[in-house]
Amino acid sequence: MNESETYELAESFLPRYEDGKKATYMAYKVANFSTREACELTPVSERMVRKWRAESPEFRYLDGEGLTEVRKRFANEYLDMQFGRNFHLILQKDFRLLYKALTLGDDALTDREHAYLIKVRSHYTPQALAMIKQILGGGSVEQPFDFTKLTLSIRREREQMDVTVEQ
């Protein structure tokens, strides 16, 4: 996520201000810049910020005690987005190497690629899938992702396959 995207995300947590400088200043504050830094980056004087605080109880609250809550929400959203983006890239890399191994054969892999695939293979488990689904929102509050149900379902399928093979 580049600086512009981070700023836009921070801005999305704020009310819409007619004065663009107010919105810019607050977006920097949400992104954990100090008052002085936010003023320099906007650019706006600290005197103007004091005026905004005096004129608007909502602005005063957001720039004061309300800022902590907005920063927490922003931080959680930011981390979720970064994790999702990075995880997507990891899955792409895994796919490319697996595809290369399957289409060209294991001998086409470098020693480093082969070692990577051996290491990554241990992470492709039902437990890992359950954790990832939970992290990325698999399920809902009313009906969260149920790993036990998944495990039992996989076990039943294996047992059914074993019975079929025995017959």
Foldseek 3Di string as FASTA:
>chain_A
DDPVVLLVLLLVLDDDDPPPLLSQLLSVVLVPDDNVVSCVVSVDDVVVLVVVVVVDVVSVCCSPVVSVVSSVVSVVVVVLVVVVVVVVVVVVVLVVLVVCCVPVNPVPDDPVSVVVNVVCVVCPDLVNVLVVLQSNPNADPVGHRDSVVVVVVVVVVVVVVVVVVVD
